[in-house]
Structure formats: structure tokens, C-alpha cells
Amino acid sequence: PMPVHPRVVEHFPGIWQIVGAQRSAHSYLVRGSRRAVRIDCGLPTAFDYLAGCLADIGLAPADLDLVLLTHEHVDHAGAAPRLAAHCPVAAHRLAANKLALRDEFTMMNRAFATDLDAFEIDVLLEEGCRINAGGITLHLLLTPGHCSGSVCVYEPARRILFSADTIMANGIL
């Protein structure tokens, strides 16, 4: 893959990995012909970094059509409150419920020495949901284990699995 910038890598046409910084998880941008979908969004403190990564691709937070959270941990969902000012935020209904409860055990704020601002999930997702970005269709797979509302996102045409913390470089959680 050709790096757009060391912090942003386009792995497939229209699909970029945004390398995590400041202990944030990696996130992804899927840009089809009709929609730009952000998969995960890192820690609250990473918003400016993430906005800069979008700028590297030629986008601003206001250009996003949807933020899809793979689960409720703060290193994946932390910047969602700031992104929610620009576009809807979606999560599986189990993750959305935990985010609404703002439970420390669930969100892991202390483990990352941060706190997640209150916000609401706009779109509740279920197993089998499909998001059509225009030429790129994302299929939602419920993959409980890491946490009960954890999902993976599968793009069948390119056989891409966005696994979040369900499958990682050092093994399976």
C-alpha cells in the first residue's frame, strides 16, 4: 500500500487506515461514491490528530456521513461526542446502551486516564445491517466476546474485515 502520509495509509481504493496515536486504536475511513464512513474514532484527546488525518485525505469532520463504532471502549469511541456535531454516530444497540449508562467498568476511562463526554448514539445497529457507501457496502457482524456489543465490519467485494479488538496482531481477545 502507498502511504498518503505516515499516519494515513490507503490499503484499497477508498479505504484508509488511520494509525492510532496517543494510545488510540486504529480507525478507518471508507469513502464510497456517495458516503464517507468513519469506523471508530479513538480517544477524546485524539480529535485534532484525527481531523488532521482526515485533512491528509482531503476531508474535514463535516464531510463525514456516519461514524460507526465497533464497541464502547473509550479508545474506540472517545472522539465520538465531537464528531457527533458533524454527522450521525452508529453502534450496535448493546454498545449504545453501555455508552448511555456511562459505566466506568464498561468504557475503561481510567485505563486510558480520560473521560468520555456524554453523547447519544443516533443509529442503533443490529447483526446483518448493511451500509452502502456507494460501490462499497459494509456488513455488520455481531462478534461478542471482547464485549457484548462488539461488532466487526465486513466488506465482501474486497474481502476486508474491520475486526477492531476482536482480532488483533497479537491474537484474539
N, C-alpha and C. Protein backbone atom coordinates (compact mmCIF):
# COMPACT_ATOMS: atom_id res chain seq x y z
N PRO A 1 0.82 -1.20 0.00
CA PRO A 1 0.00 0.00 0.00
C PRO A 1 0.86 1.26 0.00
N MET A 2 0.37 2.26 -0.67
CA MET A 2 1.09 3.53 -0.75
C MET A 2 0.62 4.47 0.36
N PRO A 3 1.53 4.92 1.23
CA PRO A 3 1.10 5.84 2.28
C PRO A 3 0.77 7.21 1.72
N VAL A 4 -0.37 7.76 2.13
CA VAL A 4 -0.73 9.13 1.81
C VAL A 4 0.11 10.03 2.69
N HIS A 5 0.31 9.62 3.91
CA HIS A 5 1.09 10.29 4.93
C HIS A 5 1.42 9.20 5.93
N PRO A 6 2.51 9.28 6.67
CA PRO A 6 2.84 8.18 7.58
C PRO A 6 1.73 7.79 8.56
N ARG A 7 0.83 8.71 8.84
CA ARG A 7 -0.25 8.38 9.79
C ARG A 7 -1.52 7.91 9.09
N VAL A 8 -1.56 7.96 7.77
CA VAL A 8 -2.73 7.54 6.99
C VAL A 8 -2.24 6.65 5.85
N VAL A 9 -2.83 5.46 5.73
CA VAL A 9 -2.43 4.52 4.68
C VAL A 9 -3.67 4.09 3.90
N GLU A 10 -3.64 4.26 2.59
CA GLU A 10 -4.74 3.79 1.75
C GLU A 10 -4.43 2.35 1.36
N HIS A 11 -5.18 1.41 1.93
CA HIS A 11 -4.95 -0.01 1.67
C HIS A 11 -5.65 -0.49 0.41
N PHE A 12 -6.79 0.10 0.10
CA PHE A 12 -7.57 -0.20 -1.10
C PHE A 12 -8.12 1.13 -1.58
N PRO A 13 -8.48 1.25 -2.85
CA PRO A 13 -9.09 2.50 -3.30
C PRO A 13 -10.32 2.84 -2.45
N GLY A 14 -10.29 4.00 -1.82
CA GLY A 14 -11.39 4.45 -0.99
C GLY A 14 -11.40 3.92 0.43
N ILE A 15 -10.38 3.17 0.83
CA ILE A 15 -10.34 2.61 2.19
C ILE A 15 -8.98 2.91 2.82
N TRP A 16 -9.01 3.76 3.84
CA TRP A 16 -7.78 4.20 4.52
C TRP A 16 -7.76 3.71 5.96
N GLN A 17 -6.57 3.36 6.41
CA GLN A 17 -6.33 3.11 7.83
C GLN A 17 -5.75 4.39 8.41
N ILE A 18 -6.30 4.81 9.52
CA ILE A 18 -5.77 5.96 10.25
C ILE A 18 -5.07 5.38 11.47
N VAL A 19 -3.75 5.46 11.47
CA VAL A 19 -2.94 4.83 12.50
C VAL A 19 -3.20 5.53 13.83
N GLY A 20 -3.49 4.75 14.85
CA GLY A 20 -3.79 5.29 16.16
C GLY A 20 -2.61 6.04 16.75
N ALA A 21 -2.91 7.07 17.53
CA ALA A 21 -1.89 7.85 18.23
C ALA A 21 -2.39 8.13 19.63
N GLN A 22 -1.48 8.43 20.52
CA GLN A 22 -1.83 8.76 21.91
C GLN A 22 -2.66 7.64 22.55
N ARG A 23 -2.30 6.39 22.29
CA ARG A 23 -2.97 5.19 22.81
C ARG A 23 -4.34 4.95 22.20
N SER A 24 -4.71 5.71 21.18
CA SER A 24 -5.97 5.46 20.48
C SER A 24 -5.84 4.23 19.60
N ALA A 25 -6.95 3.55 19.42
CA ALA A 25 -7.00 2.43 18.49
C ALA A 25 -6.90 2.95 17.06
N HIS A 26 -6.46 2.10 16.16
CA HIS A 26 -6.52 2.45 14.74
C HIS A 26 -7.99 2.65 14.37
N SER A 27 -8.21 3.47 13.37
CA SER A 27 -9.56 3.65 12.84
C SER A 27 -9.47 3.64 11.33
N TYR A 28 -10.61 3.69 10.69
CA TYR A 28 -10.65 3.55 9.24
C TYR A 28 -11.61 4.55 8.63
N LEU A 29 -11.32 4.93 7.40
CA LEU A 29 -12.22 5.75 6.62
C LEU A 29 -12.58 4.97 5.37
N VAL A 30 -13.87 4.82 5.14
CA VAL A 30 -14.37 4.16 3.94
C VAL A 30 -15.11 5.24 3.16
N ARG A 31 -14.59 5.53 1.96
CA ARG A 31 -15.18 6.59 1.15
C ARG A 31 -15.65 6.01 -0.17
N GLY A 32 -16.96 5.81 -0.24
CA GLY A 32 -17.56 5.33 -1.48
C GLY A 32 -17.94 6.51 -2.35
N SER A 33 -18.69 6.23 -3.40
CA SER A 33 -19.09 7.30 -4.32
C SER A 33 -20.18 8.19 -3.75
N ARG A 34 -20.85 7.73 -2.67
CA ARG A 34 -21.94 8.52 -2.10
C ARG A 34 -21.76 8.91 -0.64
N ARG A 35 -20.95 8.18 0.10
CA ARG A 35 -20.82 8.44 1.53
C ARG A 35 -19.40 8.18 2.02
N ALA A 36 -19.05 8.94 3.08
CA ALA A 36 -17.79 8.72 3.80
C ALA A 36 -18.15 8.21 5.19
N VAL A 37 -17.67 7.01 5.51
CA VAL A 37 -17.99 6.37 6.79
C VAL A 37 -16.70 6.20 7.58
N ARG A 38 -16.71 6.67 8.79
CA ARG A 38 -15.57 6.51 9.70
C ARG A 38 -15.86 5.32 10.59
N ILE A 39 -14.95 4.35 10.66
CA ILE A 39 -15.08 3.21 11.56
C ILE A 39 -14.15 3.46 12.74
N ASP A 40 -14.75 3.70 13.90
CA ASP A 40 -14.07 4.04 15.16
C ASP A 40 -13.45 5.43 15.09
N CYS A 41 -13.08 5.96 16.26
CA CYS A 41 -12.60 7.34 16.26
C CYS A 41 -11.62 7.68 17.38
N GLY A 42 -11.09 6.70 18.08
CA GLY A 42 -10.03 6.97 19.04
C GLY A 42 -10.46 7.67 20.32
N LEU A 43 -9.46 8.06 21.09
CA LEU A 43 -9.66 8.72 22.38
C LEU A 43 -10.15 10.15 22.23
N PRO A 44 -10.76 10.71 23.28
CA PRO A 44 -11.20 12.11 23.22
C PRO A 44 -10.05 13.07 22.89
N THR A 45 -8.87 12.79 23.40
CA THR A 45 -7.72 13.68 23.19
C THR A 45 -7.16 13.59 21.78
N ALA A 46 -7.63 12.65 20.99
CA ALA A 46 -7.09 12.44 19.63
C ALA A 46 -7.89 13.16 18.55
N PHE A 47 -8.91 13.95 18.91
CA PHE A 47 -9.77 14.55 17.90
C PHE A 47 -8.97 15.41 16.92
N ASP A 48 -8.08 16.28 17.40
CA ASP A 48 -7.32 17.15 16.49
C ASP A 48 -6.42 16.34 15.57
N TYR A 49 -5.80 15.30 16.12
CA TYR A 49 -4.97 14.40 15.31
C TYR A 49 -5.83 13.75 14.22
N LEU A 50 -7.01 13.27 14.60
CA LEU A 50 -7.90 12.60 13.65
C LEU A 50 -8.39 13.57 12.58
N ALA A 51 -8.68 14.81 12.97
CA ALA A 51 -9.09 15.81 11.99
C ALA A 51 -7.95 16.08 11.01
N GLY A 52 -6.71 16.10 11.52
CA GLY A 52 -5.55 16.27 10.64
C GLY A 52 -5.39 15.11 9.68
N CYS A 53 -5.67 13.90 10.15
CA CYS A 53 -5.60 12.73 9.27
C CYS A 53 -6.66 12.81 8.18
N LEU A 54 -7.84 13.26 8.53
CA LEU A 54 -8.88 13.46 7.51
C LEU A 54 -8.41 14.49 6.49
N ALA A 55 -7.78 15.56 6.96
CA ALA A 55 -7.27 16.60 6.05
C ALA A 55 -6.24 16.03 5.09
N ASP A 56 -5.43 15.06 5.58
CA ASP A 56 -4.46 14.41 4.70
C ASP A 56 -5.14 13.72 3.52
N ILE A 57 -6.38 13.27 3.73
CA ILE A 57 -7.14 12.59 2.69
C ILE A 57 -7.95 13.59 1.87
N GLY A 58 -8.03 14.81 2.35
CA GLY A 58 -8.80 15.84 1.65
C GLY A 58 -10.20 16.03 2.19
N LEU A 59 -10.41 15.61 3.44
CA LEU A 59 -11.73 15.73 4.07
C LEU A 59 -11.64 16.49 5.38
N ALA A 60 -12.79 16.95 5.85
CA ALA A 60 -12.93 17.56 7.17
C ALA A 60 -13.97 16.75 7.94
N PRO A 61 -14.03 16.87 9.26
CA PRO A 61 -15.07 16.16 10.00
C PRO A 61 -16.47 16.40 9.44
N ALA A 62 -16.74 17.59 8.94
CA ALA A 62 -18.07 17.90 8.38
C ALA A 62 -18.36 17.11 7.10
N ASP A 63 -17.33 16.52 6.48
CA ASP A 63 -17.53 15.73 5.26
C ASP A 63 -17.94 14.29 5.56
N LEU A 64 -17.88 13.89 6.82
CA LEU A 64 -18.27 12.53 7.19
C LEU A 64 -19.79 12.40 7.15
N ASP A 65 -20.26 11.25 6.70
CA ASP A 65 -21.69 10.97 6.68
C ASP A 65 -22.12 10.09 7.84
N LEU A 66 -21.18 9.34 8.41
CA LEU A 66 -21.50 8.43 9.51
C LEU A 66 -20.22 8.04 10.24
N VAL A 67 -20.32 7.93 11.55
CA VAL A 67 -19.27 7.32 12.36
C VAL A 67 -19.86 6.03 12.90
N LEU A 68 -19.19 4.91 12.63
CA LEU A 68 -19.64 3.60 13.08
C LEU A 68 -18.68 3.12 14.16
N LEU A 69 -19.18 2.91 15.37
CA LEU A 69 -18.35 2.44 16.49
C LEU A 69 -18.41 0.92 16.57
N THR A 70 -17.24 0.30 16.67
CA THR A 70 -17.20 -1.16 16.77
C THR A 70 -17.52 -1.65 18.18
N HIS A 71 -17.29 -0.81 19.18
CA HIS A 71 -17.67 -1.13 20.56
C HIS A 71 -17.49 0.11 21.42
N GLU A 72 -17.80 -0.02 22.69
CA GLU A 72 -17.93 1.14 23.56
C GLU A 72 -16.67 1.57 24.30
N HIS A 73 -15.56 0.91 24.16
CA HIS A 73 -14.36 1.31 24.89
C HIS A 73 -13.87 2.68 24.43
N VAL A 74 -13.37 3.46 25.37
CA VAL A 74 -13.04 4.87 25.12
C VAL A 74 -11.94 5.04 24.07
N ASP A 75 -11.08 4.04 23.89
CA ASP A 75 -10.04 4.18 22.86
C ASP A 75 -10.58 3.98 21.45
N HIS A 76 -11.83 3.57 21.33
CA HIS A 76 -12.50 3.43 20.03
C HIS A 76 -13.61 4.47 19.85
N ALA A 77 -14.23 4.90 20.95
CA ALA A 77 -15.41 5.77 20.89
C ALA A 77 -15.18 7.16 21.45
N GLY A 78 -14.00 7.45 21.95
CA GLY A 78 -13.76 8.69 22.70
C GLY A 78 -14.00 9.99 21.95
N ALA A 79 -13.67 10.04 20.68
CA ALA A 79 -13.85 11.28 19.92
C ALA A 79 -15.26 11.40 19.34
N ALA A 80 -16.10 10.40 19.58
CA ALA A 80 -17.46 10.42 19.02
C ALA A 80 -18.28 11.64 19.43
N PRO A 81 -18.21 12.10 20.68
CA PRO A 81 -19.00 13.29 21.01
C PRO A 81 -18.68 14.50 20.14
N ARG A 82 -17.42 14.70 19.81
CA ARG A 82 -17.06 15.84 18.95
C ARG A 82 -17.43 15.59 17.50
N LEU A 83 -17.33 14.36 17.05
CA LEU A 83 -17.73 14.04 15.68
C LEU A 83 -19.25 14.08 15.52
N ALA A 84 -19.98 13.82 16.61
CA ALA A 84 -21.45 13.83 16.57
C ALA A 84 -21.99 15.21 16.22
N ALA A 85 -21.19 16.24 16.38
CA ALA A 85 -21.62 17.58 15.98
C ALA A 85 -21.64 17.72 14.46
N HIS A 86 -21.00 16.78 13.75
CA HIS A 86 -20.88 16.86 12.30
C HIS A 86 -21.69 15.81 11.54
N CYS A 87 -21.93 14.66 12.17
CA CYS A 87 -22.62 13.58 11.48
C CYS A 87 -23.22 12.61 12.49
N PRO A 88 -24.11 11.73 12.06
CA PRO A 88 -24.66 10.73 12.97
C PRO A 88 -23.59 9.72 13.41
N VAL A 89 -23.80 9.19 14.62
CA VAL A 89 -22.93 8.15 15.17
C VAL A 89 -23.77 6.89 15.34
N ALA A 90 -23.25 5.76 14.87
CA ALA A 90 -23.96 4.48 14.91
C ALA A 90 -23.16 3.47 15.74
N ALA A 91 -23.90 2.58 16.42
CA ALA A 91 -23.28 1.49 17.18
C ALA A 91 -24.32 0.39 17.35
N HIS A 92 -23.84 -0.80 17.63
CA HIS A 92 -24.78 -1.88 17.96
C HIS A 92 -25.57 -1.46 19.18
N ARG A 93 -26.80 -1.90 19.28
CA ARG A 93 -27.67 -1.46 20.37
C ARG A 93 -27.10 -1.79 21.75
N LEU A 94 -26.37 -2.89 21.90
CA LEU A 94 -25.78 -3.24 23.19
C LEU A 94 -24.66 -2.27 23.57
N ALA A 95 -23.83 -1.90 22.62
CA ALA A 95 -22.78 -0.91 22.87
C ALA A 95 -23.41 0.46 23.14
N ALA A 96 -24.45 0.80 22.40
CA ALA A 96 -25.13 2.09 22.59
C ALA A 96 -25.70 2.20 24.00
N ASN A 97 -26.27 1.11 24.49
CA ASN A 97 -26.83 1.10 25.84
C ASN A 97 -25.74 1.34 26.88
N LYS A 98 -24.60 0.70 26.71
CA LYS A 98 -23.50 0.87 27.66
C LYS A 98 -22.95 2.29 27.63
N LEU A 99 -22.86 2.86 26.43
CA LEU A 99 -22.39 4.25 26.33
C LEU A 99 -23.37 5.20 27.00
N ALA A 100 -24.67 4.93 26.88
CA ALA A 100 -25.68 5.78 27.52
C ALA A 100 -25.59 5.70 29.04
N LEU A 101 -25.25 4.53 29.56
CA LEU A 101 -25.11 4.35 31.01
C LEU A 101 -23.83 4.98 31.56
N ARG A 102 -22.84 5.22 30.69
CA ARG A 102 -21.57 5.83 31.07
C ARG A 102 -20.88 5.06 32.21
N ASP A 103 -20.89 3.77 32.12
CA ASP A 103 -20.31 2.91 33.15
C ASP A 103 -18.80 2.80 32.99
N GLU A 104 -18.06 3.11 34.05
CA GLU A 104 -16.60 3.08 34.01
C GLU A 104 -16.08 1.69 33.66
N PHE A 105 -16.62 0.66 34.26
CA PHE A 105 -16.16 -0.70 34.01
C PHE A 105 -16.29 -1.03 32.52
N THR A 106 -17.36 -0.56 31.93
CA THR A 106 -17.62 -0.85 30.53
C THR A 106 -16.76 -0.02 29.59
N MET A 107 -16.63 1.26 29.87
CA MET A 107 -15.96 2.16 28.93
C MET A 107 -14.44 2.20 29.09
N MET A 108 -13.93 1.83 30.24
CA MET A 108 -12.49 1.76 30.52
C MET A 108 -11.81 3.14 30.53
N ASN A 109 -12.50 4.16 31.00
CA ASN A 109 -11.92 5.50 31.04
C ASN A 109 -10.64 5.55 31.87
N ARG A 110 -10.67 4.98 33.06
CA ARG A 110 -9.50 5.05 33.96
C ARG A 110 -8.27 4.38 33.35
N ALA A 111 -8.47 3.31 32.62
CA ALA A 111 -7.35 2.61 32.00
C ALA A 111 -6.62 3.51 31.00
N PHE A 112 -7.34 4.49 30.44
CA PHE A 112 -6.75 5.41 29.47
C PHE A 112 -6.60 6.82 30.02
N ALA A 113 -6.84 6.99 31.33
CA ALA A 113 -6.68 8.29 32.02
C ALA A 113 -7.44 9.41 31.29
N THR A 114 -8.69 9.11 30.95
CA THR A 114 -9.51 10.10 30.25
C THR A 114 -10.96 9.89 30.63
N ASP A 115 -11.83 10.69 30.09
CA ASP A 115 -13.26 10.53 30.31
C ASP A 115 -13.98 10.85 29.01
N LEU A 116 -15.04 10.15 28.78
CA LEU A 116 -15.83 10.33 27.57
C LEU A 116 -16.97 11.28 27.86
N ASP A 117 -17.06 12.36 27.08
CA ASP A 117 -18.17 13.29 27.24
C ASP A 117 -19.48 12.59 26.90
N ALA A 118 -20.55 13.05 27.52
CA ALA A 118 -21.87 12.48 27.25
C ALA A 118 -22.28 12.79 25.81
N PHE A 119 -22.88 11.82 25.16
CA PHE A 119 -23.43 11.99 23.82
C PHE A 119 -24.40 10.85 23.59
N GLU A 120 -25.19 10.95 22.55
CA GLU A 120 -26.16 9.91 22.22
C GLU A 120 -25.81 9.25 20.90
N ILE A 121 -26.03 7.95 20.85
CA ILE A 121 -25.90 7.22 19.59
C ILE A 121 -27.14 7.54 18.75
N ASP A 122 -26.92 7.93 17.51
CA ASP A 122 -28.02 8.32 16.63
C ASP A 122 -28.68 7.14 15.93
N VAL A 123 -27.89 6.11 15.61
CA VAL A 123 -28.38 4.97 14.84
C VAL A 123 -28.03 3.70 15.58
N LEU A 124 -29.06 2.91 15.92
CA LEU A 124 -28.84 1.62 16.58
C LEU A 124 -28.75 0.54 15.51
N LEU A 125 -27.65 -0.21 15.55
CA LEU A 125 -27.39 -1.23 14.54
C LEU A 125 -27.66 -2.63 15.09
N GLU A 126 -27.95 -3.54 14.21
CA GLU A 126 -28.17 -4.94 14.54
C GLU A 126 -27.34 -5.82 13.62
N GLU A 127 -27.15 -7.04 14.01
CA GLU A 127 -26.48 -8.04 13.17
C GLU A 127 -27.12 -8.04 11.79
N GLY A 128 -26.32 -8.03 10.76
CA GLY A 128 -26.82 -8.11 9.39
C GLY A 128 -27.10 -6.77 8.73
N CYS A 129 -27.01 -5.67 9.49
CA CYS A 129 -27.22 -4.35 8.87
C CYS A 129 -26.20 -4.15 7.76
N ARG A 130 -26.61 -3.40 6.75
CA ARG A 130 -25.71 -3.07 5.64
C ARG A 130 -25.69 -1.56 5.47
N ILE A 131 -24.50 -1.04 5.24
CA ILE A 131 -24.33 0.38 4.99
C ILE A 131 -23.71 0.51 3.61
N ASN A 132 -24.45 1.14 2.70
CA ASN A 132 -23.99 1.30 1.33
C ASN A 132 -23.37 2.69 1.19
N ALA A 133 -22.05 2.72 1.00
CA ALA A 133 -21.35 3.99 0.84
C ALA A 133 -21.27 4.40 -0.64
N GLY A 134 -21.77 3.56 -1.52
CA GLY A 134 -21.66 3.81 -2.95
C GLY A 134 -20.49 3.04 -3.51
N GLY A 135 -20.74 1.83 -3.99
CA GLY A 135 -19.67 0.98 -4.50
C GLY A 135 -18.91 0.22 -3.43
N ILE A 136 -19.16 0.54 -2.19
CA ILE A 136 -18.56 -0.16 -1.05
C ILE A 136 -19.69 -0.40 -0.05
N THR A 137 -19.98 -1.67 0.22
CA THR A 137 -21.06 -2.00 1.14
C THR A 137 -20.46 -2.66 2.38
N LEU A 138 -20.80 -2.13 3.53
CA LEU A 138 -20.30 -2.64 4.81
C LEU A 138 -21.38 -3.48 5.47
N HIS A 139 -21.03 -4.70 5.86
CA HIS A 139 -21.95 -5.63 6.51
C HIS A 139 -21.56 -5.72 7.99
N LEU A 140 -22.53 -5.60 8.86
CA LEU A 140 -22.27 -5.64 10.30
C LEU A 140 -22.41 -7.07 10.82
N LEU A 141 -21.38 -7.51 11.53
CA LEU A 141 -21.36 -8.84 12.14
C LEU A 141 -21.25 -8.68 13.65
N LEU A 142 -22.21 -9.18 14.40
CA LEU A 142 -22.13 -9.14 15.86
C LEU A 142 -21.10 -10.17 16.30
N THR A 143 -20.08 -9.72 17.03
CA THR A 143 -18.99 -10.60 17.46
C THR A 143 -18.74 -10.41 18.95
N PRO A 144 -19.70 -10.82 19.81
CA PRO A 144 -19.48 -10.66 21.24
C PRO A 144 -18.31 -11.50 21.71
N GLY A 145 -17.70 -11.05 22.75
CA GLY A 145 -16.53 -11.74 23.31
C GLY A 145 -15.63 -10.71 23.93
N HIS A 146 -15.12 -9.81 23.13
CA HIS A 146 -14.34 -8.68 23.66
C HIS A 146 -15.25 -7.86 24.57
N CYS A 147 -16.46 -7.63 24.12
CA CYS A 147 -17.55 -7.08 24.92
C CYS A 147 -18.85 -7.47 24.22
N SER A 148 -19.97 -7.36 24.91
CA SER A 148 -21.21 -7.92 24.37
C SER A 148 -21.71 -7.21 23.11
N GLY A 149 -21.42 -5.91 22.96
CA GLY A 149 -21.87 -5.17 21.79
C GLY A 149 -20.82 -5.01 20.71
N SER A 150 -19.77 -5.80 20.80
CA SER A 150 -18.68 -5.70 19.83
C SER A 150 -19.12 -6.20 18.46
N VAL A 151 -18.73 -5.44 17.43
CA VAL A 151 -19.04 -5.82 16.06
C VAL A 151 -17.79 -5.80 15.20
N CYS A 152 -17.81 -6.58 14.16
CA CYS A 152 -16.84 -6.49 13.09
C CYS A 152 -17.60 -5.98 11.87
N VAL A 153 -16.88 -5.34 10.97
CA VAL A 153 -17.49 -4.81 9.76
C VAL A 153 -16.81 -5.50 8.58
N TYR A 154 -17.61 -6.10 7.71
CA TYR A 154 -17.08 -6.88 6.59
C TYR A 154 -17.47 -6.23 5.27
N GLU A 155 -16.49 -6.12 4.38
CA GLU A 155 -16.73 -5.60 3.04
C GLU A 155 -16.48 -6.78 2.08
N PRO A 156 -17.55 -7.44 1.60
CA PRO A 156 -17.38 -8.70 0.88
C PRO A 156 -16.73 -8.58 -0.50
N ALA A 157 -16.94 -7.50 -1.22
CA ALA A 157 -16.38 -7.40 -2.57
C ALA A 157 -14.86 -7.43 -2.55
N ARG A 158 -14.27 -6.83 -1.54
CA ARG A 158 -12.81 -6.80 -1.41
C ARG A 158 -12.29 -7.77 -0.34
N ARG A 159 -13.23 -8.46 0.31
CA ARG A 159 -12.92 -9.42 1.37
C ARG A 159 -12.10 -8.77 2.49
N ILE A 160 -12.60 -7.63 2.97
CA ILE A 160 -11.94 -6.88 4.04
C ILE A 160 -12.75 -7.04 5.32
N LEU A 161 -12.08 -7.38 6.41
CA LEU A 161 -12.71 -7.45 7.72
C LEU A 161 -12.10 -6.39 8.62
N PHE A 162 -12.92 -5.47 9.09
CA PHE A 162 -12.51 -4.50 10.09
C PHE A 162 -12.86 -5.13 11.43
N SER A 163 -11.86 -5.68 12.11
CA SER A 163 -12.11 -6.52 13.27
C SER A 163 -12.02 -5.80 14.61
N ALA A 164 -11.56 -4.56 14.62
CA ALA A 164 -11.39 -3.80 15.87
C ALA A 164 -10.60 -4.64 16.87
N ASP A 165 -11.10 -4.82 18.08
CA ASP A 165 -10.36 -5.58 19.09
C ASP A 165 -10.74 -7.05 19.13
N THR A 166 -11.59 -7.51 18.22
CA THR A 166 -11.96 -8.90 18.19
C THR A 166 -10.79 -9.77 17.74
N ILE A 167 -10.08 -9.31 16.73
CA ILE A 167 -8.85 -10.00 16.26
C ILE A 167 -7.77 -8.93 16.17
N MET A 168 -6.65 -9.19 16.83
CA MET A 168 -5.56 -8.21 16.82
C MET A 168 -4.27 -8.88 16.38
N ALA A 169 -3.25 -8.08 16.14
CA ALA A 169 -1.96 -8.59 15.66
C ALA A 169 -1.37 -9.64 16.60
N ASN A 170 -1.62 -9.50 17.88
CA ASN A 170 -1.04 -10.44 18.85
C ASN A 170 -2.00 -11.51 19.29
N GLY A 171 -3.11 -11.66 18.60
CA GLY A 171 -4.03 -12.74 18.95
C GLY A 171 -5.47 -12.29 18.97
N ILE A 172 -6.29 -13.13 19.60
CA ILE A 172 -7.73 -12.91 19.66
C ILE A 172 -8.09 -12.49 21.08
N LEU A 173 -8.94 -11.47 21.19
CA LEU A 173 -9.45 -11.09 22.50
C LEU A 173 -10.84 -11.67 22.66
